[in-house]
N, C-alpha and C. Protein backbone atom coordinates (compact mmCIF):
# COMPACT_ATOMS: atom_id res chain seq x y z
N UNK A 1 -30.30 58.38 -14.84
CA UNK A 1 -29.99 59.04 -13.69
C UNK A 1 -29.42 60.46 -13.90
N UNK A 2 -29.86 61.33 -13.09
CA UNK A 2 -29.19 62.70 -13.22
C UNK A 2 -27.97 62.80 -12.25
N UNK A 3 -27.25 63.79 -12.50
CA UNK A 3 -25.97 63.95 -11.82
C UNK A 3 -26.10 64.24 -10.26
N UNK A 4 -27.26 64.79 -9.87
CA UNK A 4 -27.47 65.11 -8.47
C UNK A 4 -27.69 63.81 -7.65
N UNK A 5 -28.27 62.78 -8.24
CA UNK A 5 -28.52 61.54 -7.44
C UNK A 5 -27.32 60.63 -7.49
N UNK A 6 -26.40 60.77 -8.37
CA UNK A 6 -25.21 59.97 -8.45
C UNK A 6 -24.11 60.53 -7.46
N UNK A 7 -24.02 61.80 -7.26
CA UNK A 7 -22.97 62.38 -6.51
C UNK A 7 -22.95 61.94 -5.08
N UNK A 8 -24.08 61.80 -4.32
CA UNK A 8 -23.94 61.25 -2.98
C UNK A 8 -23.44 59.89 -2.91
N UNK A 9 -23.78 59.04 -3.91
CA UNK A 9 -23.28 57.71 -3.96
C UNK A 9 -21.75 57.69 -4.00
N UNK A 10 -21.19 58.41 -4.96
CA UNK A 10 -19.77 58.39 -5.14
C UNK A 10 -19.05 59.05 -3.90
N UNK A 11 -19.67 60.01 -3.23
CA UNK A 11 -19.11 60.57 -2.04
C UNK A 11 -19.05 59.53 -0.92
N UNK A 12 -20.11 58.73 -0.77
CA UNK A 12 -20.19 57.70 0.18
C UNK A 12 -19.11 56.66 -0.06
N UNK A 13 -18.99 56.24 -1.37
CA UNK A 13 -17.99 55.26 -1.82
C UNK A 13 -16.59 55.71 -1.48
N UNK A 14 -16.32 57.05 -1.80
CA UNK A 14 -14.98 57.57 -1.57
C UNK A 14 -14.73 57.57 -0.10
N UNK A 15 -15.64 58.00 0.76
CA UNK A 15 -15.50 57.98 2.18
C UNK A 15 -15.24 56.61 2.74
N UNK A 16 -15.98 55.59 2.15
CA UNK A 16 -15.80 54.22 2.62
C UNK A 16 -14.33 53.68 2.27
N UNK A 17 -13.90 54.02 1.07
CA UNK A 17 -12.54 53.60 0.69
C UNK A 17 -11.54 54.20 1.61
N UNK A 18 -11.62 55.46 1.92
CA UNK A 18 -10.72 56.20 2.79
C UNK A 18 -10.73 55.49 4.20
N UNK A 19 -11.89 55.18 4.68
CA UNK A 19 -12.05 54.58 6.00
C UNK A 19 -11.36 53.22 5.95
N UNK A 20 -11.59 52.41 4.91
CA UNK A 20 -11.01 51.09 4.86
C UNK A 20 -9.48 51.21 4.74
N UNK A 21 -8.95 52.12 3.98
CA UNK A 21 -7.47 52.34 3.90
C UNK A 21 -6.98 52.70 5.25
N UNK A 22 -7.57 53.57 6.02
CA UNK A 22 -7.13 53.99 7.31
C UNK A 22 -7.10 52.82 8.31
N UNK A 23 -8.10 52.00 8.21
CA UNK A 23 -8.17 50.79 9.13
C UNK A 23 -6.97 49.83 8.79
N UNK A 24 -6.67 49.64 7.51
CA UNK A 24 -5.56 48.75 7.06
C UNK A 24 -4.24 49.33 7.53
N UNK A 25 -4.05 50.66 7.48
CA UNK A 25 -2.85 51.24 7.88
C UNK A 25 -2.63 51.02 9.36
N UNK A 26 -3.65 51.23 10.17
CA UNK A 26 -3.49 51.05 11.60
C UNK A 26 -3.23 49.63 11.96
N UNK A 27 -3.70 48.61 11.24
CA UNK A 27 -3.54 47.21 11.57
C UNK A 27 -2.20 46.75 11.12
N UNK A 28 -1.48 47.42 10.36
CA UNK A 28 -0.09 46.89 9.88
C UNK A 28 0.87 46.80 10.95
N UNK A 29 0.79 47.56 12.01
CA UNK A 29 1.84 47.45 13.06
C UNK A 29 1.66 46.29 13.96
N UNK A 30 0.59 45.54 13.90
CA UNK A 30 0.30 44.39 14.81
C UNK A 30 0.85 43.16 14.13
N UNK A 31 1.37 42.22 14.95
CA UNK A 31 1.98 41.06 14.36
C UNK A 31 1.53 39.85 15.16
N UNK A 32 1.40 38.67 14.55
CA UNK A 32 1.09 37.49 15.21
C UNK A 32 2.26 36.64 15.43
N UNK A 33 3.47 37.20 15.29
CA UNK A 33 4.70 36.39 15.43
C UNK A 33 4.89 35.96 16.84
N UNK A 34 5.55 34.77 17.01
CA UNK A 34 5.82 34.22 18.38
C UNK A 34 6.94 35.03 18.98
N UNK A 35 7.03 35.17 20.27
CA UNK A 35 8.12 35.80 20.98
C UNK A 35 9.43 35.09 20.66
N UNK A 36 10.54 35.76 20.73
CA UNK A 36 11.78 35.19 20.28
C UNK A 36 12.26 34.01 21.23
N UNK A 37 11.83 33.93 22.50
CA UNK A 37 12.30 32.90 23.40
C UNK A 37 11.52 31.60 23.39
N UNK A 38 10.56 31.47 22.43
CA UNK A 38 9.82 30.31 22.32
C UNK A 38 10.54 29.26 21.42
N UNK A 39 10.16 27.94 21.62
CA UNK A 39 10.73 26.92 20.71
C UNK A 39 9.95 27.08 19.38
N UNK A 40 10.76 27.01 18.27
CA UNK A 40 10.22 27.12 16.97
C UNK A 40 10.18 25.73 16.34
N UNK A 41 9.12 25.46 15.68
CA UNK A 41 9.09 24.18 14.94
C UNK A 41 8.92 24.47 13.47
N UNK A 42 9.78 23.95 12.63
CA UNK A 42 9.79 24.26 11.22
C UNK A 42 10.19 22.97 10.49
N UNK A 43 9.50 22.60 9.50
CA UNK A 43 9.85 21.45 8.61
C UNK A 43 10.32 20.25 9.35
N UNK A 44 9.53 19.82 10.35
CA UNK A 44 9.74 18.62 11.12
C UNK A 44 11.07 18.62 12.00
N UNK A 45 11.58 19.76 12.22
CA UNK A 45 12.66 19.80 13.22
C UNK A 45 12.39 20.99 14.17
N UNK A 46 13.09 20.97 15.32
CA UNK A 46 12.84 21.98 16.30
C UNK A 46 14.11 22.75 16.49
N UNK A 47 13.97 24.05 16.85
CA UNK A 47 15.09 24.82 17.11
C UNK A 47 15.04 25.43 18.48
N UNK A 48 16.18 25.43 19.20
CA UNK A 48 16.25 26.03 20.48
C UNK A 48 16.67 27.49 20.23
N UNK A 49 15.85 28.41 20.35
CA UNK A 49 16.15 29.80 19.98
C UNK A 49 16.93 30.45 21.02
N UNK A 50 18.19 30.20 21.11
CA UNK A 50 19.06 30.77 22.05
C UNK A 50 20.22 31.37 21.32
N UNK A 51 20.11 32.50 20.72
CA UNK A 51 21.17 33.13 20.02
C UNK A 51 22.35 33.51 20.99
N UNK A 52 23.52 33.32 20.63
CA UNK A 52 24.68 33.50 21.48
C UNK A 52 25.34 34.81 21.08
N UNK A 53 26.01 35.34 22.04
CA UNK A 53 26.81 36.63 21.82
C UNK A 53 25.98 37.81 22.10
N UNK A 54 26.67 38.93 22.23
CA UNK A 54 25.95 40.20 22.48
C UNK A 54 25.74 40.98 21.15
N UNK A 55 26.36 40.59 20.10
CA UNK A 55 26.09 41.29 18.88
C UNK A 55 24.71 40.99 18.31
N UNK A 56 24.25 41.86 17.52
CA UNK A 56 22.93 41.62 16.96
C UNK A 56 22.91 41.13 15.59
N UNK A 57 24.02 40.61 15.10
CA UNK A 57 24.05 40.06 13.75
C UNK A 57 24.78 38.64 13.74
N UNK A 58 24.37 37.84 12.75
CA UNK A 58 24.96 36.60 12.51
C UNK A 58 24.92 35.64 13.81
N UNK A 59 23.80 35.73 14.55
CA UNK A 59 23.63 34.87 15.75
C UNK A 59 23.13 33.54 15.25
N UNK A 60 23.62 32.48 15.88
CA UNK A 60 23.26 31.10 15.54
C UNK A 60 22.24 30.63 16.51
N UNK A 61 21.39 29.73 16.11
CA UNK A 61 20.41 29.07 16.95
C UNK A 61 20.54 27.58 16.81
N UNK A 62 20.52 26.89 17.97
CA UNK A 62 20.75 25.41 18.01
C UNK A 62 19.47 24.68 17.61
N UNK A 63 19.68 23.66 16.78
CA UNK A 63 18.57 22.65 16.55
C UNK A 63 18.45 21.78 17.76
N UNK A 64 17.24 21.44 18.10
CA UNK A 64 17.06 20.44 19.15
C UNK A 64 16.61 19.04 18.62
N UNK A 65 16.44 19.06 17.31
CA UNK A 65 16.21 17.76 16.55
C UNK A 65 16.78 17.91 15.21
N UNK A 66 17.17 16.77 14.59
CA UNK A 66 17.81 16.88 13.33
C UNK A 66 16.79 16.89 12.24
N UNK A 67 16.90 17.86 11.26
CA UNK A 67 15.94 17.99 10.16
C UNK A 67 16.06 16.78 9.21
N UNK A 68 14.95 16.57 8.48
CA UNK A 68 14.95 15.50 7.47
C UNK A 68 15.92 15.73 6.39
N UNK A 69 16.42 16.93 6.21
CA UNK A 69 17.41 17.26 5.15
C UNK A 69 18.68 16.45 5.44
N UNK A 70 19.01 16.21 6.74
CA UNK A 70 20.22 15.44 7.06
C UNK A 70 19.79 14.03 7.47
N UNK A 71 20.13 13.11 6.66
CA UNK A 71 19.73 11.74 6.88
C UNK A 71 20.91 10.75 6.79
N UNK A 72 21.22 9.99 7.86
CA UNK A 72 22.26 9.08 7.79
C UNK A 72 23.55 9.72 8.27
N UNK A 73 24.68 9.51 7.45
CA UNK A 73 25.92 10.10 7.96
C UNK A 73 25.93 11.57 7.82
N UNK A 74 26.76 12.27 8.71
CA UNK A 74 26.76 13.68 8.62
C UNK A 74 27.83 14.26 9.52
N UNK A 75 27.88 15.62 9.48
CA UNK A 75 28.68 16.46 10.34
C UNK A 75 27.71 17.06 11.36
N UNK A 76 28.06 17.05 12.63
CA UNK A 76 27.16 17.44 13.73
C UNK A 76 28.02 18.36 14.72
N UNK A 77 27.89 19.67 14.60
CA UNK A 77 28.72 20.56 15.41
C UNK A 77 27.83 21.42 16.31
N UNK A 78 28.41 21.74 17.46
CA UNK A 78 27.73 22.54 18.51
C UNK A 78 28.76 23.52 19.07
N UNK A 79 28.31 24.46 19.86
CA UNK A 79 29.19 25.41 20.54
C UNK A 79 30.12 24.71 21.54
N UNK A 80 31.24 25.22 21.73
CA UNK A 80 32.18 24.63 22.77
C UNK A 80 31.54 24.57 24.15
N UNK A 81 30.65 25.48 24.46
CA UNK A 81 30.01 25.52 25.80
C UNK A 81 28.99 24.35 25.98
N UNK A 82 28.59 23.73 24.93
CA UNK A 82 27.64 22.62 24.97
C UNK A 82 28.31 21.27 25.16
N UNK A 83 27.67 20.46 25.95
CA UNK A 83 28.17 19.14 26.12
C UNK A 83 27.89 18.32 24.85
N UNK A 84 28.85 17.48 24.43
CA UNK A 84 28.76 16.80 23.16
C UNK A 84 27.46 15.87 23.09
N UNK A 85 26.97 15.50 24.21
CA UNK A 85 25.76 14.62 24.24
C UNK A 85 24.41 15.44 24.27
N UNK A 86 24.52 16.83 24.30
CA UNK A 86 23.33 17.58 24.42
C UNK A 86 22.43 17.57 23.18
N UNK A 87 23.03 17.39 22.09
CA UNK A 87 22.26 17.42 20.81
C UNK A 87 21.86 18.79 20.34
N UNK A 88 22.38 19.80 20.94
CA UNK A 88 22.12 21.19 20.53
C UNK A 88 23.04 21.67 19.39
N UNK A 89 22.78 21.19 18.21
CA UNK A 89 23.71 21.41 17.11
C UNK A 89 23.43 22.76 16.40
N UNK A 90 24.49 23.54 16.08
CA UNK A 90 24.34 24.75 15.38
C UNK A 90 24.71 24.54 13.82
N UNK A 91 25.40 23.47 13.48
CA UNK A 91 25.76 23.19 12.15
C UNK A 91 25.51 21.71 11.87
N UNK A 92 24.78 21.42 10.79
CA UNK A 92 24.53 20.07 10.36
C UNK A 92 24.79 20.00 8.90
N UNK A 93 25.40 18.85 8.53
CA UNK A 93 25.67 18.62 7.12
C UNK A 93 25.56 17.16 6.76
N UNK A 94 25.27 16.82 5.52
CA UNK A 94 25.13 15.44 5.07
C UNK A 94 26.53 14.93 4.62
N UNK A 95 27.54 15.63 4.84
CA UNK A 95 28.97 15.29 4.54
C UNK A 95 29.32 15.31 3.05
N UNK A 96 28.39 15.53 2.18
CA UNK A 96 28.73 15.48 0.73
C UNK A 96 28.41 16.75 -0.04
N UNK A 97 27.28 17.37 0.26
CA UNK A 97 26.89 18.53 -0.59
C UNK A 97 26.10 19.57 0.17
N UNK A 98 25.29 19.26 1.17
CA UNK A 98 24.37 20.23 1.78
C UNK A 98 24.64 20.38 3.26
N UNK A 99 24.49 21.59 3.80
CA UNK A 99 24.54 21.88 5.23
C UNK A 99 23.35 22.75 5.62
N UNK A 100 23.01 22.82 6.83
CA UNK A 100 21.92 23.67 7.27
C UNK A 100 22.27 24.31 8.67
N UNK A 101 21.90 25.55 8.75
CA UNK A 101 22.13 26.31 10.00
C UNK A 101 20.89 27.19 10.20
N UNK A 102 20.77 27.71 11.47
CA UNK A 102 19.86 28.77 11.68
C UNK A 102 20.63 29.98 12.06
N UNK A 103 20.58 31.05 11.23
CA UNK A 103 21.35 32.24 11.47
C UNK A 103 20.42 33.44 11.45
N UNK A 104 20.49 34.19 12.54
CA UNK A 104 19.54 35.35 12.75
C UNK A 104 18.11 34.94 12.52
N UNK A 105 17.77 33.78 13.16
CA UNK A 105 16.41 33.21 13.11
C UNK A 105 15.87 32.73 11.78
N UNK A 106 16.76 32.68 10.79
CA UNK A 106 16.34 32.19 9.46
C UNK A 106 17.07 30.91 9.15
N UNK A 107 16.45 29.92 8.58
CA UNK A 107 17.11 28.67 8.16
C UNK A 107 17.92 28.89 6.98
N UNK A 108 19.24 28.61 7.07
CA UNK A 108 20.10 28.80 5.92
C UNK A 108 20.49 27.39 5.36
N UNK A 109 20.24 27.22 4.08
CA UNK A 109 20.63 25.99 3.41
C UNK A 109 21.86 26.30 2.60
N UNK A 110 22.94 25.51 2.82
CA UNK A 110 24.25 25.84 2.30
C UNK A 110 24.69 24.71 1.42
N UNK A 111 25.51 25.07 0.36
CA UNK A 111 26.11 24.12 -0.50
C UNK A 111 27.58 24.14 -0.32
N UNK A 112 28.21 22.89 -0.33
CA UNK A 112 29.64 22.91 -0.18
C UNK A 112 30.31 23.46 -1.38
N UNK A 113 31.39 24.29 -1.18
CA UNK A 113 32.19 24.79 -2.24
C UNK A 113 33.37 23.86 -2.39
N UNK A 114 33.33 22.87 -3.27
CA UNK A 114 34.39 21.92 -3.41
C UNK A 114 35.72 22.46 -3.88
N UNK A 115 35.71 23.60 -4.51
CA UNK A 115 36.93 24.22 -5.00
C UNK A 115 37.70 24.91 -3.87
N UNK A 116 37.06 25.19 -2.70
CA UNK A 116 37.73 25.88 -1.54
C UNK A 116 37.84 24.92 -0.35
N UNK A 117 37.15 23.76 -0.34
CA UNK A 117 37.22 22.90 0.80
C UNK A 117 38.36 21.92 0.56
N UNK A 118 39.10 21.68 1.61
CA UNK A 118 40.26 20.74 1.53
C UNK A 118 40.82 20.37 2.92
N UNK A 119 41.67 19.36 2.90
CA UNK A 119 42.44 18.97 4.02
C UNK A 119 43.69 19.80 4.05
N UNK A 120 44.07 20.29 5.23
CA UNK A 120 45.27 21.14 5.29
C UNK A 120 46.39 20.39 5.98
N UNK A 121 47.41 20.03 5.22
CA UNK A 121 48.58 19.49 5.83
C UNK A 121 48.63 18.03 6.12
N UNK A 122 47.51 17.32 6.11
CA UNK A 122 47.49 15.90 6.39
C UNK A 122 47.51 15.53 7.92
N UNK A 123 47.36 16.46 8.74
CA UNK A 123 47.32 16.19 10.26
C UNK A 123 45.94 16.16 10.79
N UNK A 124 44.90 15.84 9.96
CA UNK A 124 43.57 15.80 10.46
C UNK A 124 42.96 17.23 10.58
N UNK A 125 43.53 18.18 9.89
CA UNK A 125 43.02 19.51 9.91
C UNK A 125 42.30 19.75 8.58
N UNK A 126 41.03 20.23 8.67
CA UNK A 126 40.21 20.39 7.58
C UNK A 126 39.62 21.80 7.47
N UNK A 127 39.50 22.33 6.28
CA UNK A 127 38.81 23.66 5.99
C UNK A 127 37.73 23.42 5.01
N UNK A 128 36.51 23.46 5.43
CA UNK A 128 35.35 23.30 4.45
C UNK A 128 34.63 24.59 4.32
N UNK A 129 34.28 24.94 3.09
CA UNK A 129 33.62 26.15 2.79
C UNK A 129 32.21 25.87 2.23
N UNK A 130 31.22 26.57 2.75
CA UNK A 130 29.83 26.38 2.32
C UNK A 130 29.29 27.70 1.92
N UNK A 131 28.50 27.68 0.90
CA UNK A 131 27.88 28.98 0.41
C UNK A 131 26.33 28.88 0.40
N UNK A 132 25.70 30.03 0.79
CA UNK A 132 24.31 30.11 0.83
C UNK A 132 23.83 31.28 -0.06
N UNK A 133 22.67 31.73 0.13
CA UNK A 133 22.05 32.77 -0.58
C UNK A 133 22.46 34.15 0.02
N UNK A 134 22.28 35.21 -0.70
CA UNK A 134 22.57 36.54 -0.27
C UNK A 134 23.99 36.80 0.26
N UNK A 135 25.00 36.12 -0.42
CA UNK A 135 26.40 36.33 -0.10
C UNK A 135 26.84 35.64 1.23
N UNK A 136 26.04 34.75 1.75
CA UNK A 136 26.37 34.03 2.98
C UNK A 136 27.43 32.97 2.72
N UNK A 137 28.53 32.99 3.47
CA UNK A 137 29.62 31.95 3.45
C UNK A 137 29.83 31.51 4.84
N UNK A 138 30.04 30.19 4.98
CA UNK A 138 30.35 29.56 6.26
C UNK A 138 31.57 28.78 6.05
N UNK A 139 32.60 29.01 6.94
CA UNK A 139 33.81 28.22 6.84
C UNK A 139 33.81 27.39 8.09
N UNK A 140 34.26 26.15 7.94
CA UNK A 140 34.37 25.18 9.05
C UNK A 140 35.89 24.82 9.11
N UNK A 141 36.64 25.28 10.12
CA UNK A 141 38.03 25.04 10.28
C UNK A 141 38.14 24.08 11.50
N UNK A 142 38.38 22.86 11.27
CA UNK A 142 38.37 21.91 12.40
C UNK A 142 39.62 20.99 12.32
N UNK A 143 39.92 20.44 13.57
CA UNK A 143 41.05 19.48 13.67
C UNK A 143 40.45 18.27 14.42
N UNK A 144 40.80 17.12 13.86
CA UNK A 144 40.41 15.86 14.44
C UNK A 144 41.15 15.64 15.76
N UNK A 145 40.44 15.22 16.89
CA UNK A 145 41.21 14.92 18.09
C UNK A 145 40.88 13.49 18.60
N UNK A 146 39.97 12.78 17.94
CA UNK A 146 39.65 11.37 18.39
C UNK A 146 38.93 10.68 17.23
N UNK A 147 39.20 9.42 17.08
CA UNK A 147 38.57 8.66 16.00
C UNK A 147 37.72 7.55 16.61
N UNK A 148 36.68 7.16 15.92
CA UNK A 148 35.98 5.89 16.26
C UNK A 148 35.73 5.17 14.95
N UNK A 149 35.07 3.99 15.00
CA UNK A 149 35.06 3.02 13.89
C UNK A 149 34.55 3.68 12.60
N UNK A 150 33.50 4.48 12.54
CA UNK A 150 33.03 5.05 11.35
C UNK A 150 32.97 6.61 11.36
N UNK A 151 33.89 7.19 12.08
CA UNK A 151 33.93 8.65 12.14
C UNK A 151 34.98 9.23 13.05
N UNK A 152 34.83 10.50 13.39
CA UNK A 152 35.85 11.04 14.29
C UNK A 152 35.24 12.30 14.95
N UNK A 153 35.92 12.75 16.08
CA UNK A 153 35.52 13.88 16.81
C UNK A 153 36.46 15.03 16.41
N UNK A 154 35.86 16.30 16.28
CA UNK A 154 36.66 17.47 15.86
C UNK A 154 36.40 18.64 16.79
N UNK A 155 37.29 19.55 16.73
CA UNK A 155 37.11 20.87 17.40
C UNK A 155 37.74 21.96 16.51
N UNK A 156 37.27 23.15 16.63
CA UNK A 156 37.80 24.24 15.90
C UNK A 156 36.90 25.47 15.81
N UNK A 157 36.81 26.05 14.66
CA UNK A 157 36.09 27.34 14.50
C UNK A 157 35.01 27.18 13.33
N UNK A 158 33.95 27.93 13.58
CA UNK A 158 32.99 28.08 12.47
C UNK A 158 32.92 29.63 12.22
N UNK A 159 33.19 29.98 11.00
CA UNK A 159 33.22 31.42 10.69
C UNK A 159 32.14 31.70 9.64
N UNK A 160 31.32 32.73 10.05
CA UNK A 160 30.20 33.11 9.23
C UNK A 160 30.61 34.43 8.61
N UNK A 161 30.44 34.53 7.29
CA UNK A 161 30.69 35.84 6.55
C UNK A 161 29.41 36.17 5.84
N UNK A 162 29.03 37.41 5.92
CA UNK A 162 27.85 37.91 5.13
C UNK A 162 28.15 39.43 4.92
N UNK A 163 28.40 39.74 3.61
CA UNK A 163 28.67 41.12 3.32
C UNK A 163 30.04 41.50 3.98
N UNK A 164 30.10 42.54 4.71
CA UNK A 164 31.30 42.99 5.38
C UNK A 164 31.34 42.50 6.83
N UNK A 165 30.29 41.69 7.20
CA UNK A 165 30.28 41.22 8.62
C UNK A 165 30.90 39.83 8.68
N UNK A 166 31.44 39.56 9.85
CA UNK A 166 32.17 38.33 10.12
C UNK A 166 31.96 37.91 11.56
N UNK A 167 31.63 36.67 11.81
CA UNK A 167 31.44 36.20 13.23
C UNK A 167 32.09 34.86 13.35
N UNK A 168 32.83 34.63 14.50
CA UNK A 168 33.57 33.38 14.70
C UNK A 168 33.02 32.71 15.94
N UNK A 169 32.77 31.38 15.87
CA UNK A 169 32.22 30.64 16.92
C UNK A 169 33.21 29.48 17.15
N UNK A 170 33.60 29.22 18.45
CA UNK A 170 34.43 28.05 18.79
C UNK A 170 33.36 26.84 18.88
N UNK A 171 33.78 25.76 18.16
CA UNK A 171 32.83 24.59 18.01
C UNK A 171 33.54 23.33 18.32
N UNK A 172 32.77 22.25 18.53
CA UNK A 172 33.23 20.91 18.62
C UNK A 172 32.10 19.98 18.12
N UNK A 173 32.43 18.74 17.74
CA UNK A 173 31.44 17.86 17.30
C UNK A 173 31.97 16.66 16.63
N UNK A 174 31.15 16.02 15.81
CA UNK A 174 31.69 14.77 15.16
C UNK A 174 31.18 14.70 13.74
N UNK A 175 31.89 13.87 13.00
CA UNK A 175 31.59 13.58 11.61
C UNK A 175 31.65 12.11 11.41
N UNK A 176 30.61 11.55 10.80
CA UNK A 176 30.66 10.12 10.68
C UNK A 176 29.24 9.55 10.52
N UNK A 177 29.19 8.29 10.68
CA UNK A 177 27.92 7.48 10.47
C UNK A 177 27.44 6.87 11.83
């Protein structure tokens, strides 16, 4: 082949590549994500996507069903504004090592920090600390207000720390089997 017959081919190829790149750049702004106010289904549980508060960081979302990660006995906490029978939990734990929350629309799996978790003073006041990825720390400061055969009801605060940000939620719930 001589150079004059090859040159139009490479020009066409170069023009095609530029056109393809241009189309890809234009399509990047489009998303198939669901709107924020729809119910999300993830890993066999559902979440009620109702972030609370006016701040745009460290918002929690309530589970409307319990994930498979939490099986049997556990800690089940919700916002104070929720009825205890509603089942709209923002914090779930298996009571021994793992907890799960939805923070800023992402599922956060947390591990208990046994060196920082303890009972305070013996009056049914507990401080549990959980750690997640990316510097996420969740503190559960609760006080028992009623007991039943295999558990108890608690109320208190759930404090989320991430970097220099901190958010406090008033909560209530139960721990037991």
